[in-house]
């Protein structure tokens, strides 16, 4: 199983120092680091230690070929999903707040990966417009 964790999981793992291995042969799981999460993590860096930890994490993912970026079809799918979500009860402020999650979901969907998230509400809504596997 391939897991694509959202930013909240990476924040928790970085804060506790319990980062998952990028490859887990015993468990059959592979963990990927999305450049979407990297962008959001960099936006929240507060000091040199956090910057160093994030640089180390990103470099480890890159070396193991586990750093992934949304391919062009994911951007298109994400735009279509936001348009579909706009026709639901989600307001424009909520749509702006979840655009990165929609792009992560589109990327995971196209890769056949499972999104690992604690954000049940937003991903339940996204899963209505993008075929998506997600877990908390």
N, C-alpha and C. Protein backbone atom coordinates (compact mmCIF):
# COMPACT_ATOMS: atom_id res chain seq x y z
N UNK A 1 0.84 -1.18 0.00
CA UNK A 1 0.00 0.00 0.00
C UNK A 1 0.89 1.24 0.00
N UNK A 2 0.53 2.18 -0.81
CA UNK A 2 1.24 3.45 -0.88
C UNK A 2 0.45 4.51 -0.14
N UNK A 3 1.10 5.17 0.81
CA UNK A 3 0.46 6.21 1.62
C UNK A 3 0.99 7.58 1.25
N UNK A 4 0.09 8.53 1.11
CA UNK A 4 0.44 9.92 0.85
C UNK A 4 -0.12 10.75 2.00
N UNK A 5 0.66 10.94 3.07
CA UNK A 5 0.17 11.68 4.24
C UNK A 5 -0.03 13.15 3.93
N UNK A 6 -1.06 13.72 4.58
CA UNK A 6 -1.25 15.16 4.45
C UNK A 6 -0.33 15.87 5.44
N UNK A 7 -0.34 17.17 5.39
CA UNK A 7 0.59 17.98 6.18
C UNK A 7 0.44 17.77 7.68
N UNK A 8 -0.79 17.58 8.15
CA UNK A 8 -0.99 17.43 9.60
C UNK A 8 -0.24 16.22 10.15
N UNK A 9 -0.18 15.16 9.38
CA UNK A 9 0.58 13.99 9.84
C UNK A 9 2.08 14.29 9.91
N UNK A 10 2.60 14.98 8.89
CA UNK A 10 4.03 15.32 8.90
C UNK A 10 4.35 16.26 10.05
N UNK A 11 3.46 17.19 10.36
CA UNK A 11 3.69 18.11 11.49
C UNK A 11 3.80 17.30 12.78
N UNK A 12 2.88 16.39 12.98
CA UNK A 12 2.89 15.57 14.20
C UNK A 12 4.16 14.72 14.27
N UNK A 13 4.51 14.09 13.15
CA UNK A 13 5.70 13.24 13.13
C UNK A 13 6.97 14.04 13.38
N UNK A 14 7.07 15.21 12.76
CA UNK A 14 8.25 16.05 12.97
C UNK A 14 8.33 16.54 14.42
N UNK A 15 7.19 16.89 14.99
CA UNK A 15 7.17 17.40 16.36
C UNK A 15 7.57 16.33 17.38
N UNK A 16 7.20 15.09 17.10
CA UNK A 16 7.49 14.02 18.06
C UNK A 16 8.77 13.26 17.73
N UNK A 17 9.34 13.55 16.56
CA UNK A 17 10.55 12.85 16.16
C UNK A 17 10.30 11.39 15.79
N UNK A 18 9.07 11.05 15.45
CA UNK A 18 8.73 9.67 15.10
C UNK A 18 8.36 9.57 13.63
N UNK A 19 9.28 9.96 12.78
CA UNK A 19 9.02 9.92 11.35
C UNK A 19 8.93 8.47 10.87
N UNK A 20 7.99 8.21 9.97
CA UNK A 20 7.89 6.86 9.42
C UNK A 20 9.02 6.62 8.43
N UNK A 21 9.37 5.37 8.26
CA UNK A 21 10.35 5.03 7.22
C UNK A 21 9.66 5.24 5.87
N UNK A 22 10.39 5.66 4.88
CA UNK A 22 9.79 5.86 3.57
C UNK A 22 9.43 4.53 2.91
N UNK A 23 10.10 3.48 3.32
CA UNK A 23 9.77 2.16 2.81
C UNK A 23 9.69 1.21 3.99
N UNK A 24 8.67 0.41 3.99
CA UNK A 24 8.51 -0.56 5.06
C UNK A 24 8.31 -1.94 4.50
N UNK A 25 9.40 -2.66 4.16
CA UNK A 25 9.25 -3.96 3.52
C UNK A 25 8.44 -4.94 4.35
N UNK A 26 8.55 -4.89 5.66
CA UNK A 26 7.83 -5.83 6.51
C UNK A 26 6.33 -5.55 6.47
N UNK A 27 5.97 -4.27 6.40
CA UNK A 27 4.56 -3.92 6.42
C UNK A 27 3.96 -3.86 5.01
N UNK A 28 4.81 -3.83 4.00
CA UNK A 28 4.31 -3.71 2.64
C UNK A 28 3.82 -2.31 2.31
N UNK A 29 4.20 -1.35 3.14
CA UNK A 29 3.76 0.03 2.94
C UNK A 29 4.90 0.89 2.43
N UNK A 30 4.53 1.84 1.62
CA UNK A 30 5.48 2.82 1.13
C UNK A 30 4.89 4.19 1.44
N UNK A 31 5.68 5.04 2.10
CA UNK A 31 5.22 6.38 2.46
C UNK A 31 5.87 7.38 1.51
N UNK A 32 5.05 8.26 0.96
CA UNK A 32 5.53 9.29 0.04
C UNK A 32 5.41 10.65 0.71
N UNK A 33 6.27 11.56 0.32
CA UNK A 33 6.21 12.95 0.78
C UNK A 33 5.83 13.81 -0.41
N UNK A 34 4.70 14.48 -0.30
CA UNK A 34 4.21 15.34 -1.36
C UNK A 34 4.86 16.72 -1.29
N UNK A 35 5.16 17.27 -2.44
CA UNK A 35 5.69 18.63 -2.47
C UNK A 35 4.63 19.62 -1.98
N UNK A 36 3.37 19.23 -2.00
CA UNK A 36 2.31 20.08 -1.45
C UNK A 36 2.53 20.20 0.06
N UNK A 37 2.77 19.06 0.72
CA UNK A 37 3.03 19.07 2.16
C UNK A 37 4.32 19.83 2.46
N UNK A 38 5.34 19.65 1.63
CA UNK A 38 6.61 20.35 1.85
C UNK A 38 6.38 21.86 1.80
N UNK A 39 5.60 22.34 0.84
CA UNK A 39 5.31 23.77 0.74
C UNK A 39 4.61 24.25 2.01
N UNK A 40 3.60 23.51 2.45
CA UNK A 40 2.86 23.92 3.65
C UNK A 40 3.75 23.85 4.89
N UNK A 41 4.61 22.85 4.97
CA UNK A 41 5.53 22.75 6.10
C UNK A 41 6.50 23.93 6.12
N UNK A 42 7.06 24.29 4.96
CA UNK A 42 7.97 25.43 4.90
C UNK A 42 7.26 26.72 5.32
N UNK A 43 6.00 26.85 4.96
CA UNK A 43 5.25 28.05 5.33
C UNK A 43 5.11 28.19 6.84
N UNK A 44 5.20 27.07 7.56
CA UNK A 44 5.04 27.11 9.01
C UNK A 44 6.33 27.03 9.80
N UNK A 45 7.48 26.98 9.12
CA UNK A 45 8.76 26.89 9.83
C UNK A 45 8.97 28.11 10.71
N UNK A 46 9.32 27.85 11.99
CA UNK A 46 9.46 28.95 12.96
C UNK A 46 10.89 29.21 13.40
N UNK A 47 11.80 28.27 13.14
CA UNK A 47 13.17 28.49 13.61
C UNK A 47 14.14 27.62 12.80
N UNK A 48 15.43 27.80 13.09
CA UNK A 48 16.47 27.08 12.35
C UNK A 48 16.40 25.58 12.54
N UNK A 49 16.04 25.12 13.73
CA UNK A 49 15.93 23.67 13.98
C UNK A 49 14.84 23.05 13.10
N UNK A 50 13.69 23.71 13.03
CA UNK A 50 12.62 23.20 12.18
C UNK A 50 13.02 23.22 10.71
N UNK A 51 13.71 24.26 10.29
CA UNK A 51 14.18 24.33 8.90
C UNK A 51 15.15 23.21 8.60
N UNK A 52 16.06 22.93 9.53
CA UNK A 52 17.02 21.84 9.35
C UNK A 52 16.31 20.49 9.28
N UNK A 53 15.34 20.27 10.17
CA UNK A 53 14.59 19.01 10.16
C UNK A 53 13.84 18.82 8.85
N UNK A 54 13.22 19.89 8.37
CA UNK A 54 12.47 19.80 7.12
C UNK A 54 13.39 19.56 5.93
N UNK A 55 14.53 20.20 5.93
CA UNK A 55 15.51 19.98 4.87
C UNK A 55 15.98 18.53 4.87
N UNK A 56 16.25 18.00 6.05
CA UNK A 56 16.69 16.60 6.18
C UNK A 56 15.60 15.65 5.69
N UNK A 57 14.36 15.89 6.09
CA UNK A 57 13.24 15.05 5.66
C UNK A 57 13.08 15.08 4.15
N UNK A 58 13.09 16.27 3.59
CA UNK A 58 12.89 16.41 2.14
C UNK A 58 14.02 15.74 1.36
N UNK A 59 15.23 15.91 1.83
CA UNK A 59 16.37 15.30 1.15
C UNK A 59 16.31 13.77 1.24
N UNK A 60 15.91 13.25 2.39
CA UNK A 60 15.78 11.79 2.54
C UNK A 60 14.72 11.24 1.58
N UNK A 61 13.60 11.94 1.47
CA UNK A 61 12.54 11.51 0.55
C UNK A 61 13.03 11.58 -0.89
N UNK A 62 13.74 12.64 -1.24
CA UNK A 62 14.25 12.78 -2.61
C UNK A 62 15.24 11.67 -2.95
N UNK A 63 16.17 11.39 -2.02
CA UNK A 63 17.17 10.33 -2.26
C UNK A 63 16.52 8.96 -2.46
N UNK A 64 15.44 8.72 -1.75
CA UNK A 64 14.75 7.42 -1.84
C UNK A 64 13.66 7.42 -2.92
N UNK A 65 13.63 8.48 -3.70
CA UNK A 65 12.63 8.65 -4.76
C UNK A 65 11.22 8.53 -4.20
N UNK A 66 11.00 9.17 -3.07
CA UNK A 66 9.69 9.18 -2.41
C UNK A 66 9.11 10.58 -2.32
N UNK A 67 9.74 11.55 -2.96
CA UNK A 67 9.24 12.91 -3.03
C UNK A 67 8.42 13.03 -4.32
N UNK A 68 7.14 13.35 -4.18
CA UNK A 68 6.27 13.38 -5.36
C UNK A 68 5.63 14.75 -5.53
N UNK A 69 5.47 15.13 -6.78
CA UNK A 69 4.81 16.38 -7.15
C UNK A 69 3.56 16.05 -7.95
N UNK A 70 2.55 16.90 -7.86
CA UNK A 70 1.34 16.66 -8.66
C UNK A 70 1.67 16.73 -10.15
N UNK A 71 1.33 15.69 -10.90
CA UNK A 71 1.53 15.74 -12.35
C UNK A 71 0.45 16.62 -13.00
N UNK A 72 0.65 17.06 -14.23
CA UNK A 72 -0.35 17.93 -14.87
C UNK A 72 -1.79 17.42 -14.79
N UNK A 73 -2.05 16.12 -14.99
CA UNK A 73 -3.45 15.68 -14.88
C UNK A 73 -4.05 15.89 -13.48
N UNK A 74 -3.22 15.89 -12.45
CA UNK A 74 -3.73 16.13 -11.09
C UNK A 74 -4.21 17.57 -10.94
N UNK A 75 -3.50 18.50 -11.55
CA UNK A 75 -3.92 19.90 -11.49
C UNK A 75 -5.28 20.07 -12.17
N UNK A 76 -5.44 19.40 -13.30
CA UNK A 76 -6.71 19.48 -14.03
C UNK A 76 -7.83 18.86 -13.21
N UNK A 77 -7.59 17.66 -12.68
CA UNK A 77 -8.59 16.97 -11.85
C UNK A 77 -8.94 17.81 -10.62
N UNK A 78 -7.94 18.42 -10.01
CA UNK A 78 -8.19 19.26 -8.83
C UNK A 78 -9.07 20.46 -9.20
N UNK A 79 -8.80 21.08 -10.32
CA UNK A 79 -9.64 22.20 -10.77
C UNK A 79 -11.07 21.77 -11.01
N UNK A 80 -11.23 20.61 -11.64
CA UNK A 80 -12.58 20.09 -11.88
C UNK A 80 -13.28 19.77 -10.55
N UNK A 81 -12.53 19.24 -9.60
CA UNK A 81 -13.10 18.89 -8.30
C UNK A 81 -13.52 20.15 -7.54
N UNK A 82 -12.70 21.20 -7.58
CA UNK A 82 -13.07 22.45 -6.91
C UNK A 82 -14.34 23.02 -7.56
N UNK A 83 -14.43 22.93 -8.88
CA UNK A 83 -15.64 23.42 -9.55
C UNK A 83 -16.86 22.61 -9.10
N UNK A 84 -16.70 21.29 -8.98
CA UNK A 84 -17.81 20.45 -8.53
C UNK A 84 -18.16 20.76 -7.07
N UNK A 85 -17.16 20.97 -6.24
CA UNK A 85 -17.40 21.28 -4.84
C UNK A 85 -18.06 22.65 -4.67
N UNK A 86 -17.78 23.56 -5.58
CA UNK A 86 -18.39 24.88 -5.52
C UNK A 86 -19.91 24.78 -5.68
N UNK A 87 -20.37 23.74 -6.37
CA UNK A 87 -21.81 23.55 -6.58
C UNK A 87 -22.47 22.89 -5.37
N UNK A 88 -21.70 22.56 -4.34
CA UNK A 88 -22.25 21.97 -3.12
C UNK A 88 -22.44 23.06 -2.08
N UNK A 89 -22.57 22.65 -0.84
CA UNK A 89 -22.81 23.62 0.23
C UNK A 89 -21.53 24.27 0.75
N UNK A 90 -20.38 23.90 0.21
CA UNK A 90 -19.14 24.52 0.67
C UNK A 90 -19.07 25.96 0.18
N UNK A 91 -18.78 26.86 1.08
CA UNK A 91 -18.65 28.26 0.72
C UNK A 91 -17.30 28.56 0.09
N UNK A 92 -17.16 29.74 -0.48
CA UNK A 92 -15.93 30.10 -1.18
C UNK A 92 -14.73 30.15 -0.23
N UNK A 93 -14.92 30.59 1.00
CA UNK A 93 -13.80 30.61 1.96
C UNK A 93 -13.33 29.19 2.26
N UNK A 94 -14.26 28.27 2.42
CA UNK A 94 -13.91 26.86 2.70
C UNK A 94 -13.19 26.26 1.49
N UNK A 95 -13.66 26.58 0.29
CA UNK A 95 -13.01 26.07 -0.93
C UNK A 95 -11.57 26.56 -1.03
N UNK A 96 -11.35 27.83 -0.71
CA UNK A 96 -9.97 28.34 -0.73
C UNK A 96 -9.12 27.61 0.29
N UNK A 97 -9.70 27.30 1.44
CA UNK A 97 -8.94 26.65 2.52
C UNK A 97 -8.57 25.21 2.19
N UNK A 98 -9.34 24.55 1.33
CA UNK A 98 -9.06 23.13 1.07
C UNK A 98 -8.43 22.86 -0.29
N UNK A 99 -8.06 23.89 -1.01
CA UNK A 99 -7.50 23.67 -2.37
C UNK A 99 -6.25 22.79 -2.35
N UNK A 100 -5.40 22.97 -1.37
CA UNK A 100 -4.20 22.11 -1.31
C UNK A 100 -4.60 20.66 -1.04
N UNK A 101 -5.61 20.47 -0.20
CA UNK A 101 -6.09 19.11 0.07
C UNK A 101 -6.70 18.49 -1.18
N UNK A 102 -7.41 19.27 -1.96
CA UNK A 102 -7.99 18.77 -3.21
C UNK A 102 -6.87 18.35 -4.16
N UNK A 103 -5.82 19.14 -4.25
CA UNK A 103 -4.69 18.79 -5.12
C UNK A 103 -3.99 17.53 -4.61
N UNK A 104 -3.82 17.40 -3.31
CA UNK A 104 -3.23 16.19 -2.73
C UNK A 104 -4.11 14.99 -3.06
N UNK A 105 -5.42 15.14 -2.92
CA UNK A 105 -6.35 14.05 -3.21
C UNK A 105 -6.28 13.65 -4.69
N UNK A 106 -6.21 14.63 -5.57
CA UNK A 106 -6.13 14.34 -7.00
C UNK A 106 -4.83 13.61 -7.31
N UNK A 107 -3.74 14.04 -6.71
CA UNK A 107 -2.45 13.38 -6.91
C UNK A 107 -2.51 11.94 -6.44
N UNK A 108 -3.04 11.73 -5.24
CA UNK A 108 -3.15 10.37 -4.69
C UNK A 108 -4.04 9.50 -5.56
N UNK A 109 -5.15 10.04 -6.00
CA UNK A 109 -6.08 9.29 -6.84
C UNK A 109 -5.41 8.80 -8.12
N UNK A 110 -4.68 9.67 -8.77
CA UNK A 110 -4.02 9.30 -10.02
C UNK A 110 -2.88 8.31 -9.80
N UNK A 111 -2.28 8.33 -8.60
CA UNK A 111 -1.17 7.42 -8.29
C UNK A 111 -1.66 6.10 -7.71
N UNK A 112 -2.93 6.03 -7.35
CA UNK A 112 -3.44 4.85 -6.68
C UNK A 112 -2.99 4.77 -5.23
N UNK A 113 -2.68 5.91 -4.64
CA UNK A 113 -2.22 5.97 -3.25
C UNK A 113 -3.38 6.29 -2.32
N UNK A 114 -3.19 5.97 -1.06
CA UNK A 114 -4.17 6.28 -0.02
C UNK A 114 -3.70 7.52 0.73
N UNK A 115 -4.59 8.51 0.85
CA UNK A 115 -4.27 9.71 1.62
C UNK A 115 -4.40 9.37 3.10
N UNK A 116 -3.39 9.70 3.86
CA UNK A 116 -3.41 9.54 5.30
C UNK A 116 -3.69 10.91 5.89
N UNK A 117 -4.85 11.06 6.56
CA UNK A 117 -5.26 12.37 7.06
C UNK A 117 -6.08 12.23 8.33
N UNK A 118 -6.04 13.24 9.15
CA UNK A 118 -6.93 13.31 10.31
C UNK A 118 -8.11 14.22 9.99
N UNK A 119 -8.10 14.79 8.81
CA UNK A 119 -9.10 15.77 8.40
C UNK A 119 -10.28 15.05 7.72
N UNK A 120 -11.07 14.39 8.50
CA UNK A 120 -12.18 13.58 7.99
C UNK A 120 -13.21 14.41 7.22
N UNK A 121 -13.58 15.56 7.76
CA UNK A 121 -14.64 16.37 7.15
C UNK A 121 -14.30 16.78 5.72
N UNK A 122 -13.12 17.36 5.54
CA UNK A 122 -12.75 17.84 4.21
C UNK A 122 -12.55 16.69 3.23
N UNK A 123 -11.89 15.63 3.66
CA UNK A 123 -11.62 14.54 2.72
C UNK A 123 -12.88 13.73 2.41
N UNK A 124 -13.84 13.70 3.31
CA UNK A 124 -15.13 13.07 3.00
C UNK A 124 -15.82 13.86 1.89
N UNK A 125 -15.76 15.18 1.96
CA UNK A 125 -16.35 16.02 0.91
C UNK A 125 -15.61 15.85 -0.41
N UNK A 126 -14.28 15.85 -0.35
CA UNK A 126 -13.46 15.69 -1.56
C UNK A 126 -13.72 14.34 -2.21
N UNK A 127 -13.87 13.30 -1.39
CA UNK A 127 -14.07 11.95 -1.92
C UNK A 127 -15.39 11.81 -2.68
N UNK A 128 -16.28 12.76 -2.51
CA UNK A 128 -17.54 12.74 -3.28
C UNK A 128 -17.33 13.16 -4.72
N UNK A 129 -16.22 13.86 -5.00
CA UNK A 129 -15.98 14.34 -6.37
C UNK A 129 -14.71 13.80 -6.99
N UNK A 130 -13.85 13.16 -6.20
CA UNK A 130 -12.63 12.53 -6.70
C UNK A 130 -12.62 11.09 -6.19
N UNK A 131 -12.45 10.11 -7.08
CA UNK A 131 -12.34 8.73 -6.59
C UNK A 131 -11.09 8.62 -5.72
N UNK A 132 -11.29 8.36 -4.45
CA UNK A 132 -10.21 8.53 -3.51
C UNK A 132 -10.27 7.49 -2.40
N UNK A 133 -9.10 6.98 -2.05
CA UNK A 133 -8.96 6.15 -0.86
C UNK A 133 -8.29 7.01 0.18
N UNK A 134 -8.86 7.06 1.38
CA UNK A 134 -8.25 7.84 2.44
C UNK A 134 -8.48 7.14 3.77
N UNK A 135 -7.58 7.42 4.69
CA UNK A 135 -7.62 6.79 5.99
C UNK A 135 -7.15 7.81 7.04
N UNK A 136 -7.61 7.64 8.26
CA UNK A 136 -7.17 8.57 9.29
C UNK A 136 -6.19 7.92 10.25
